Amino acid sequence: ARIFSGGSTTYADSVKGRFTISRD
């Protein structure tokens, strides 16, 4: 998973819907 400075995210297909990336 990847999270950009603006908050948008991308995920590997194998983890979509199960994993969530977030940042503070």
mmCIF file of all heavy atoms, coordinates in Angstrom:
data_MODEL
# 
_entry.id   MODEL 
# 
loop_
_atom_site.group_PDB 
_atom_site.id 
_atom_site.type_symbol 
_atom_site.label_atom_id 
_atom_site.label_alt_id 
_atom_site.label_comp_id 
_atom_site.label_asym_id 
_atom_site.label_entity_id 
_atom_site.label_seq_id 
_atom_site.pdbx_PDB_ins_code 
_atom_site.Cartn_x 
_atom_site.Cartn_y 
_atom_site.Cartn_z 
_atom_site.occupancy 
_atom_site.B_iso_or_equiv 
_atom_site.pdbx_formal_charge 
_atom_site.auth_seq_id 
_atom_site.auth_comp_id 
_atom_site.auth_asym_id 
_atom_site.auth_atom_id 
_atom_site.pdbx_PDB_model_num 
ATOM 1   N N   . ALA A 1 1  ? 0.849   -1.193  0.000  1.00 0.00 ? 1  ALA A N   1 
ATOM 2   C CA  . ALA A 1 1  ? 0.000   0.000   0.000  1.00 0.00 ? 1  ALA A CA  1 
ATOM 3   C C   . ALA A 1 1  ? 0.879   1.236   0.000  1.00 0.00 ? 1  ALA A C   1 
ATOM 4   O O   . ALA A 1 1  ? 2.011   1.204   0.494  1.00 0.00 ? 1  ALA A O   1 
ATOM 5   C CB  . ALA A 1 1  ? -0.926  0.001   1.217  1.00 0.00 ? 1  ALA A CB  1 
ATOM 6   N N   . ARG A 1 2  ? 0.323   2.308   -0.534 1.00 0.00 ? 2  ARG A N   1 
ATOM 7   C CA  . ARG A 1 2  ? 1.050   3.570   -0.633 1.00 0.00 ? 2  ARG A CA  1 
ATOM 8   C C   . ARG A 1 2  ? 0.098   4.702   -0.312 1.00 0.00 ? 2  ARG A C   1 
ATOM 9   O O   . ARG A 1 2  ? -1.077  4.661   -0.703 1.00 0.00 ? 2  ARG A O   1 
ATOM 10  C CB  . ARG A 1 2  ? 1.626   3.711   -2.033 1.00 0.00 ? 2  ARG A CB  1 
ATOM 11  C CG  . ARG A 1 2  ? 2.325   5.023   -2.322 1.00 0.00 ? 2  ARG A CG  1 
ATOM 12  C CD  . ARG A 1 2  ? 3.050   4.922   -3.652 1.00 0.00 ? 2  ARG A CD  1 
ATOM 13  N NE  . ARG A 1 2  ? 4.216   4.040   -3.545 1.00 0.00 ? 2  ARG A NE  1 
ATOM 14  C CZ  . ARG A 1 2  ? 4.738   3.384   -4.571 1.00 0.00 ? 2  ARG A CZ  1 
ATOM 15  N NH1 . ARG A 1 2  ? 4.209   3.480   -5.759 1.00 0.00 ? 2  ARG A NH1 1 
ATOM 16  N NH2 . ARG A 1 2  ? 5.803   2.624   -4.396 1.00 0.00 ? 2  ARG A NH2 1 
ATOM 17  N N   . ILE A 1 3  ? 0.602   5.698   0.373  1.00 0.00 ? 3  ILE A N   1 
ATOM 18  C CA  . ILE A 1 3  ? -0.198  6.888   0.655  1.00 0.00 ? 3  ILE A CA  1 
ATOM 19  C C   . ILE A 1 3  ? 0.604   8.117   0.280  1.00 0.00 ? 3  ILE A C   1 
ATOM 20  O O   . ILE A 1 3  ? 1.776   8.262   0.650  1.00 0.00 ? 3  ILE A O   1 
ATOM 21  C CB  . ILE A 1 3  ? -0.665  6.917   2.132  1.00 0.00 ? 3  ILE A CB  1 
ATOM 22  C CG1 . ILE A 1 3  ? -1.615  8.083   2.367  1.00 0.00 ? 3  ILE A CG1 1 
ATOM 23  C CG2 . ILE A 1 3  ? 0.517   6.943   3.109  1.00 0.00 ? 3  ILE A CG2 1 
ATOM 24  C CD1 . ILE A 1 3  ? -2.415  7.968   3.674  1.00 0.00 ? 3  ILE A CD1 1 
ATOM 25  N N   . PHE A 1 4  ? -0.032  9.009   -0.485 1.00 0.00 ? 4  PHE A N   1 
ATOM 26  C CA  . PHE A 1 4  ? 0.622   10.211  -0.971 1.00 0.00 ? 4  PHE A CA  1 
ATOM 27  C C   . PHE A 1 4  ? 0.387   11.353  0.024  1.00 0.00 ? 4  PHE A C   1 
ATOM 28  O O   . PHE A 1 4  ? -0.460  11.257  0.923  1.00 0.00 ? 4  PHE A O   1 
ATOM 29  C CB  . PHE A 1 4  ? 0.096   10.548  -2.356 1.00 0.00 ? 4  PHE A CB  1 
ATOM 30  C CG  . PHE A 1 4  ? 0.385   9.468   -3.370 1.00 0.00 ? 4  PHE A CG  1 
ATOM 31  C CD1 . PHE A 1 4  ? -0.518  8.418   -3.572 1.00 0.00 ? 4  PHE A CD1 1 
ATOM 32  C CD2 . PHE A 1 4  ? 1.548   9.469   -4.104 1.00 0.00 ? 4  PHE A CD2 1 
ATOM 33  C CE1 . PHE A 1 4  ? -0.252  7.407   -4.482 1.00 0.00 ? 4  PHE A CE1 1 
ATOM 34  C CE2 . PHE A 1 4  ? 1.827   8.464   -5.020 1.00 0.00 ? 4  PHE A CE2 1 
ATOM 35  C CZ  . PHE A 1 4  ? 0.929   7.440   -5.212 1.00 0.00 ? 4  PHE A CZ  1 
ATOM 36  N N   . SER A 1 5  ? 1.122   12.433  -0.172 1.00 0.00 ? 5  SER A N   1 
ATOM 37  C CA  . SER A 1 5  ? 1.074   13.528  0.782  1.00 0.00 ? 5  SER A CA  1 
ATOM 38  C C   . SER A 1 5  ? -0.321  14.110  0.907  1.00 0.00 ? 5  SER A C   1 
ATOM 39  O O   . SER A 1 5  ? -0.714  14.560  1.992  1.00 0.00 ? 5  SER A O   1 
ATOM 40  C CB  . SER A 1 5  ? 2.064   14.623  0.387  1.00 0.00 ? 5  SER A CB  1 
ATOM 41  O OG  . SER A 1 5  ? 1.809   15.062  -0.931 1.00 0.00 ? 5  SER A OG  1 
ATOM 42  N N   . GLY A 1 6  ? -1.082  14.068  -0.167 1.00 0.00 ? 6  GLY A N   1 
ATOM 43  C CA  . GLY A 1 6  ? -2.436  14.601  -0.126 1.00 0.00 ? 6  GLY A CA  1 
ATOM 44  C C   . GLY A 1 6  ? -3.454  13.653  0.474  1.00 0.00 ? 6  GLY A C   1 
ATOM 45  O O   . GLY A 1 6  ? -4.617  14.023  0.669  1.00 0.00 ? 6  GLY A O   1 
ATOM 46  N N   . GLY A 1 7  ? -3.017  12.424  0.750  1.00 0.00 ? 7  GLY A N   1 
ATOM 47  C CA  . GLY A 1 7  ? -3.908  11.460  1.385  1.00 0.00 ? 7  GLY A CA  1 
ATOM 48  C C   . GLY A 1 7  ? -4.446  10.387  0.465  1.00 0.00 ? 7  GLY A C   1 
ATOM 49  O O   . GLY A 1 7  ? -5.091  9.444   0.931  1.00 0.00 ? 7  GLY A O   1 
ATOM 50  N N   . SER A 1 8  ? -4.222  10.516  -0.840 1.00 0.00 ? 8  SER A N   1 
ATOM 51  C CA  . SER A 1 8  ? -4.711  9.475   -1.740 1.00 0.00 ? 8  SER A CA  1 
ATOM 52  C C   . SER A 1 8  ? -3.893  8.202   -1.533 1.00 0.00 ? 8  SER A C   1 
ATOM 53  O O   . SER A 1 8  ? -2.741  8.255   -1.088 1.00 0.00 ? 8  SER A O   1 
ATOM 54  C CB  . SER A 1 8  ? -4.641  9.928   -3.193 1.00 0.00 ? 8  SER A CB  1 
ATOM 55  O OG  . SER A 1 8  ? -3.315  10.254  -3.545 1.00 0.00 ? 8  SER A OG  1 
ATOM 56  N N   . THR A 1 9  ? -4.511  7.078   -1.846 1.00 0.00 ? 9  THR A N   1 
ATOM 57  C CA  . THR A 1 9  ? -3.898  5.784   -1.542 1.00 0.00 ? 9  THR A CA  1 
ATOM 58  C C   . THR A 1 9  ? -3.983  4.826   -2.729 1.00 0.00 ? 9  THR A C   1 
ATOM 59  O O   . THR A 1 9  ? -4.851  4.968   -3.603 1.00 0.00 ? 9  THR A O   1 
ATOM 60  C CB  . THR A 1 9  ? -4.596  5.120   -0.347 1.00 0.00 ? 9  THR A CB  1 
ATOM 61  O OG1 . THR A 1 9  ? -5.999  4.965   -0.644 1.00 0.00 ? 9  THR A OG1 1 
ATOM 62  C CG2 . THR A 1 9  ? -4.459  5.957   0.918  1.00 0.00 ? 9  THR A CG2 1 
ATOM 63  N N   . THR A 1 10 ? -3.076  3.874   -2.750 1.00 0.00 ? 10 THR A N   1 
ATOM 64  C CA  . THR A 1 10 ? -3.147  2.767   -3.696 1.00 0.00 ? 10 THR A CA  1 
ATOM 65  C C   . THR A 1 10 ? -2.849  1.478   -2.937 1.00 0.00 ? 10 THR A C   1 
ATOM 66  O O   . THR A 1 10 ? -2.145  1.505   -1.909 1.00 0.00 ? 10 THR A O   1 
ATOM 67  C CB  . THR A 1 10 ? -2.146  2.914   -4.849 1.00 0.00 ? 10 THR A CB  1 
ATOM 68  O OG1 . THR A 1 10 ? -0.815  2.945   -4.316 1.00 0.00 ? 10 THR A OG1 1 
ATOM 69  C CG2 . THR A 1 10 ? -2.393  4.183   -5.652 1.00 0.00 ? 10 THR A CG2 1 
ATOM 70  N N   . TYR A 1 11 ? -3.405  0.385   -3.426 1.00 0.00 ? 11 TYR A N   1 
ATOM 71  C CA  . TYR A 1 11 ? -3.240  -0.910  -2.773 1.00 0.00 ? 11 TYR A CA  1 
ATOM 72  C C   . TYR A 1 11 ? -2.934  -1.995  -3.795 1.00 0.00 ? 11 TYR A C   1 
ATOM 73  O O   . TYR A 1 11 ? -3.388  -1.947  -4.935 1.00 0.00 ? 11 TYR A O   1 
ATOM 74  C CB  . TYR A 1 11 ? -4.527  -1.307  -2.031 1.00 0.00 ? 11 TYR A CB  1 
ATOM 75  C CG  . TYR A 1 11 ? -4.887  -0.398  -0.890 1.00 0.00 ? 11 TYR A CG  1 
ATOM 76  C CD1 . TYR A 1 11 ? -5.738  0.696   -1.088 1.00 0.00 ? 11 TYR A CD1 1 
ATOM 77  C CD2 . TYR A 1 11 ? -4.387  -0.625  0.396  1.00 0.00 ? 11 TYR A CD2 1 
ATOM 78  C CE1 . TYR A 1 11 ? -6.067  1.535   -0.035 1.00 0.00 ? 11 TYR A CE1 1 
ATOM 79  C CE2 . TYR A 1 11 ? -4.717  0.218   1.446  1.00 0.00 ? 11 TYR A CE2 1 
ATOM 80  C CZ  . TYR A 1 11 ? -5.552  1.292   1.221  1.00 0.00 ? 11 TYR A CZ  1 
ATOM 81  O OH  . TYR A 1 11 ? -5.885  2.118   2.272  1.00 0.00 ? 11 TYR A OH  1 
ATOM 82  N N   . ALA A 1 12 ? -2.208  -2.999  -3.339 1.00 0.00 ? 12 ALA A N   1 
ATOM 83  C CA  . ALA A 1 12 ? -2.059  -4.201  -4.148 1.00 0.00 ? 12 ALA A CA  1 
ATOM 84  C C   . ALA A 1 12 ? -3.420  -4.887  -4.241 1.00 0.00 ? 12 ALA A C   1 
ATOM 85  O O   . ALA A 1 12 ? -4.216  -4.834  -3.283 1.00 0.00 ? 12 ALA A O   1 
ATOM 86  C CB  . ALA A 1 12 ? -1.044  -5.137  -3.505 1.00 0.00 ? 12 ALA A CB  1 
ATOM 87  N N   . ASP A 1 13 ? -3.690  -5.518  -5.376 1.00 0.00 ? 13 ASP A N   1 
ATOM 88  C CA  . ASP A 1 13 ? -4.977  -6.179  -5.550 1.00 0.00 ? 13 ASP A CA  1 
ATOM 89  C C   . ASP A 1 13 ? -5.232  -7.221  -4.460 1.00 0.00 ? 13 ASP A C   1 
ATOM 90  O O   . ASP A 1 13 ? -6.374  -7.421  -4.033 1.00 0.00 ? 13 ASP A O   1 
ATOM 91  C CB  . ASP A 1 13 ? -5.032  -6.860  -6.919 1.00 0.00 ? 13 ASP A CB  1 
ATOM 92  C CG  . ASP A 1 13 ? -5.167  -5.859  -8.059 1.00 0.00 ? 13 ASP A CG  1 
ATOM 93  O OD1 . ASP A 1 13 ? -5.535  -4.697  -7.793 1.00 0.00 ? 13 ASP A OD1 1 
ATOM 94  O OD2 . ASP A 1 13 ? -4.889  -6.240  -9.205 1.00 0.00 ? 13 ASP A OD2 1 
ATOM 95  N N   . SER A 1 14 ? -4.169  -7.858  -4.007 1.00 0.00 ? 14 SER A N   1 
ATOM 96  C CA  . SER A 1 14 ? -4.315  -8.949  -3.041 1.00 0.00 ? 14 SER A CA  1 
ATOM 97  C C   . SER A 1 14 ? -4.783  -8.473  -1.661 1.00 0.00 ? 14 SER A C   1 
ATOM 98  O O   . SER A 1 14 ? -5.239  -9.281  -0.849 1.00 0.00 ? 14 SER A O   1 
ATOM 99  C CB  . SER A 1 14 ? -2.988  -9.695  -2.890 1.00 0.00 ? 14 SER A CB  1 
ATOM 100 O OG  . SER A 1 14 ? -1.964  -8.818  -2.464 1.00 0.00 ? 14 SER A OG  1 
ATOM 101 N N   . VAL A 1 15 ? -4.685  -7.168  -1.389 1.00 0.00 ? 15 VAL A N   1 
ATOM 102 C CA  . VAL A 1 15 ? -5.077  -6.674  -0.058 1.00 0.00 ? 15 VAL A CA  1 
ATOM 103 C C   . VAL A 1 15 ? -6.232  -5.679  -0.113 1.00 0.00 ? 15 VAL A C   1 
ATOM 104 O O   . VAL A 1 15 ? -6.700  -5.232  0.942  1.00 0.00 ? 15 VAL A O   1 
ATOM 105 C CB  . VAL A 1 15 ? -3.879  -6.034  0.676  1.00 0.00 ? 15 VAL A CB  1 
ATOM 106 C CG1 . VAL A 1 15 ? -2.700  -6.997  0.714  1.00 0.00 ? 15 VAL A CG1 1 
ATOM 107 C CG2 . VAL A 1 15 ? -3.482  -4.710  0.052  1.00 0.00 ? 15 VAL A CG2 1 
ATOM 108 N N   . LYS A 1 16 ? -6.688  -5.334  -1.286 1.00 0.00 ? 16 LYS A N   1 
ATOM 109 C CA  . LYS A 1 16 ? -7.794  -4.374  -1.419 1.00 0.00 ? 16 LYS A CA  1 
ATOM 110 C C   . LYS A 1 16 ? -9.016  -4.857  -0.650 1.00 0.00 ? 16 LYS A C   1 
ATOM 111 O O   . LYS A 1 16 ? -9.401  -6.028  -0.754 1.00 0.00 ? 16 LYS A O   1 
ATOM 112 C CB  . LYS A 1 16 ? -8.137  -4.171  -2.890 1.00 0.00 ? 16 LYS A CB  1 
ATOM 113 C CG  . LYS A 1 16 ? -7.227  -3.220  -3.618 1.00 0.00 ? 16 LYS A CG  1 
ATOM 114 C CD  . LYS A 1 16 ? -7.660  -3.055  -5.079 1.00 0.00 ? 16 LYS A CD  1 
ATOM 115 C CE  . LYS A 1 16 ? -6.704  -2.136  -5.821 1.00 0.00 ? 16 LYS A CE  1 
ATOM 116 N NZ  . LYS A 1 16 ? -7.049  -2.028  -7.258 1.00 0.00 ? 16 LYS A NZ  1 
ATOM 117 N N   . GLY A 1 17 ? -9.597  -3.942  0.097  1.00 0.00 ? 17 GLY A N   1 
ATOM 118 C CA  . GLY A 1 17 ? -10.786 -4.273  0.869  1.00 0.00 ? 17 GLY A CA  1 
ATOM 119 C C   . GLY A 1 17 ? -10.475 -4.881  2.221  1.00 0.00 ? 17 GLY A C   1 
ATOM 120 O O   . GLY A 1 17 ? -11.376 -5.028  3.056  1.00 0.00 ? 17 GLY A O   1 
ATOM 121 N N   . ARG A 1 18 ? -9.212  -5.244  2.461  1.00 0.00 ? 18 ARG A N   1 
ATOM 122 C CA  . ARG A 1 18 ? -8.834  -5.842  3.746  1.00 0.00 ? 18 ARG A CA  1 
ATOM 123 C C   . ARG A 1 18 ? -7.860  -4.960  4.522  1.00 0.00 ? 18 ARG A C   1 
ATOM 124 O O   . ARG A 1 18 ? -7.903  -4.918  5.753  1.00 0.00 ? 18 ARG A O   1 
ATOM 125 C CB  . ARG A 1 18 ? -8.192  -7.224  3.521  1.00 0.00 ? 18 ARG A CB  1 
ATOM 126 C CG  . ARG A 1 18 ? -9.097  -8.217  2.830  1.00 0.00 ? 18 ARG A CG  1 
ATOM 127 C CD  . ARG A 1 18 ? -8.478  -9.618  2.822  1.00 0.00 ? 18 ARG A CD  1 
ATOM 128 N NE  . ARG A 1 18 ? -7.215  -9.662  2.080  1.00 0.00 ? 18 ARG A NE  1 
ATOM 129 C CZ  . ARG A 1 18 ? -6.066  -10.051 2.613  1.00 0.00 ? 18 ARG A CZ  1 
ATOM 130 N NH1 . ARG A 1 18 ? -5.992  -10.425 3.877  1.00 0.00 ? 18 ARG A NH1 1 
ATOM 131 N NH2 . ARG A 1 18 ? -4.955  -10.094 1.868  1.00 0.00 ? 18 ARG A NH2 1 
ATOM 132 N N   . PHE A 1 19 ? -6.972  -4.273  3.807  1.00 0.00 ? 19 PHE A N   1 
ATOM 133 C CA  . PHE A 1 19 ? -5.955  -3.433  4.439  1.00 0.00 ? 19 PHE A CA  1 
ATOM 134 C C   . PHE A 1 19 ? -6.294  -1.963  4.216  1.00 0.00 ? 19 PHE A C   1 
ATOM 135 O O   . PHE A 1 19 ? -6.828  -1.591  3.166  1.00 0.00 ? 19 PHE A O   1 
ATOM 136 C CB  . PHE A 1 19 ? -4.576  -3.702  3.834  1.00 0.00 ? 19 PHE A CB  1 
ATOM 137 C CG  . PHE A 1 19 ? -3.988  -5.048  4.169  1.00 0.00 ? 19 PHE A CG  1 
ATOM 138 C CD1 . PHE A 1 19 ? -4.735  -6.056  4.760  1.00 0.00 ? 19 PHE A CD1 1 
ATOM 139 C CD2 . PHE A 1 19 ? -2.651  -5.302  3.877  1.00 0.00 ? 19 PHE A CD2 1 
ATOM 140 C CE1 . PHE A 1 19 ? -4.175  -7.290  5.060  1.00 0.00 ? 19 PHE A CE1 1 
ATOM 141 C CE2 . PHE A 1 19 ? -2.073  -6.524  4.164  1.00 0.00 ? 19 PHE A CE2 1 
ATOM 142 C CZ  . PHE A 1 19 ? -2.840  -7.521  4.748  1.00 0.00 ? 19 PHE A CZ  1 
ATOM 143 N N   . THR A 1 20 ? -5.921  -1.139  5.188  1.00 0.00 ? 20 THR A N   1 
ATOM 144 C CA  . THR A 1 20 ? -6.107  0.302   5.073  1.00 0.00 ? 20 THR A CA  1 
ATOM 145 C C   . THR A 1 20 ? -4.847  1.010   5.545  1.00 0.00 ? 20 THR A C   1 
ATOM 146 O O   . THR A 1 20 ? -4.376  0.766   6.669  1.00 0.00 ? 20 THR A O   1 
ATOM 147 C CB  . THR A 1 20 ? -7.296  0.782   5.915  1.00 0.00 ? 20 THR A CB  1 
ATOM 148 O OG1 . THR A 1 20 ? -8.479  0.096   5.507  1.00 0.00 ? 20 THR A OG1 1 
ATOM 149 C CG2 . THR A 1 20 ? -7.504  2.282   5.738  1.00 0.00 ? 20 THR A CG2 1 
ATOM 150 N N   . ILE A 1 21 ? -4.313  1.872   4.685  1.00 0.00 ? 21 ILE A N   1 
ATOM 151 C CA  . ILE A 1 21 ? -3.142  2.662   5.045  1.00 0.00 ? 21 ILE A CA  1 
ATOM 152 C C   . ILE A 1 21 ? -3.597  4.062   5.446  1.00 0.00 ? 21 ILE A C   1 
ATOM 153 O O   . ILE A 1 21 ? -4.526  4.613   4.846  1.00 0.00 ? 21 ILE A O   1 
ATOM 154 C CB  . ILE A 1 21 ? -2.119  2.714   3.876  1.00 0.00 ? 21 ILE A CB  1 
ATOM 155 C CG1 . ILE A 1 21 ? -0.806  3.351   4.324  1.00 0.00 ? 21 ILE A CG1 1 
ATOM 156 C CG2 . ILE A 1 21 ? -2.709  3.433   2.663  1.00 0.00 ? 21 ILE A CG2 1 
ATOM 157 C CD1 . ILE A 1 21 ? 0.313   3.234   3.281  1.00 0.00 ? 21 ILE A CD1 1 
ATOM 158 N N   . SER A 1 22 ? -2.955  4.608   6.458  1.00 0.00 ? 22 SER A N   1 
ATOM 159 C CA  . SER A 1 22 ? -3.301  5.956   6.912  1.00 0.00 ? 22 SER A CA  1 
ATOM 160 C C   . SER A 1 22 ? -2.040  6.628   7.433  1.00 0.00 ? 22 SER A C   1 
ATOM 161 O O   . SER A 1 22 ? -1.054  5.950   7.739  1.00 0.00 ? 22 SER A O   1 
ATOM 162 C CB  . SER A 1 22 ? -4.376  5.908   7.999  1.00 0.00 ? 22 SER A CB  1 
ATOM 163 O OG  . SER A 1 22 ? -3.920  5.171   9.129  1.00 0.00 ? 22 SER A OG  1 
ATOM 164 N N   . ARG A 1 23 ? -2.089  7.940   7.548  1.00 0.00 ? 23 ARG A N   1 
ATOM 165 C CA  . ARG A 1 23 ? -0.920  8.658   8.035  1.00 0.00 ? 23 ARG A CA  1 
ATOM 166 C C   . ARG A 1 23 ? -1.336  9.788   8.950  1.00 0.00 ? 23 ARG A C   1 
ATOM 167 O O   . ARG A 1 23 ? -2.449  10.327  8.826  1.00 0.00 ? 23 ARG A O   1 
ATOM 168 C CB  . ARG A 1 23 ? -0.066  9.170   6.872  1.00 0.00 ? 23 ARG A CB  1 
ATOM 169 C CG  . ARG A 1 23 ? -0.705  10.247  6.044  1.00 0.00 ? 23 ARG A CG  1 
ATOM 170 C CD  . ARG A 1 23 ? 0.101   10.516  4.771  1.00 0.00 ? 23 ARG A CD  1 
ATOM 171 N NE  . ARG A 1 23 ? 1.399   11.091  5.027  1.00 0.00 ? 23 ARG A NE  1 
ATOM 172 C CZ  . ARG A 1 23 ? 2.355   11.218  4.100  1.00 0.00 ? 23 ARG A CZ  1 
ATOM 173 N NH1 . ARG A 1 23 ? 2.128   10.796  2.860  1.00 0.00 ? 23 ARG A NH1 1 
ATOM 174 N NH2 . ARG A 1 23 ? 3.525   11.764  4.387  1.00 0.00 ? 23 ARG A NH2 1 
ATOM 175 N N   . ASP A 1 24 ? -0.438  10.138  9.845  1.00 0.00 ? 24 ASP A N   1 
ATOM 176 C CA  . ASP A 1 24 ? -0.620  11.286  10.728 1.00 0.00 ? 24 ASP A CA  1 
ATOM 177 C C   . ASP A 1 24 ? 0.592   12.174  10.493 1.00 0.00 ? 24 ASP A C   1 
ATOM 178 O O   . ASP A 1 24 ? 1.677   11.900  10.999 1.00 0.00 ? 24 ASP A O   1 
ATOM 179 C CB  . ASP A 1 24 ? -0.715  10.821  12.184 1.00 0.00 ? 24 ASP A CB  1 
ATOM 180 C CG  . ASP A 1 24 ? -1.021  11.959  13.140 1.00 0.00 ? 24 ASP A CG  1 
ATOM 181 O OD1 . ASP A 1 24 ? -0.598  13.114  12.862 1.00 0.00 ? 24 ASP A OD1 1 
ATOM 182 O OD2 . ASP A 1 24 ? -1.664  11.711  14.172 1.00 0.00 ? 24 ASP A OD2 1 
# 
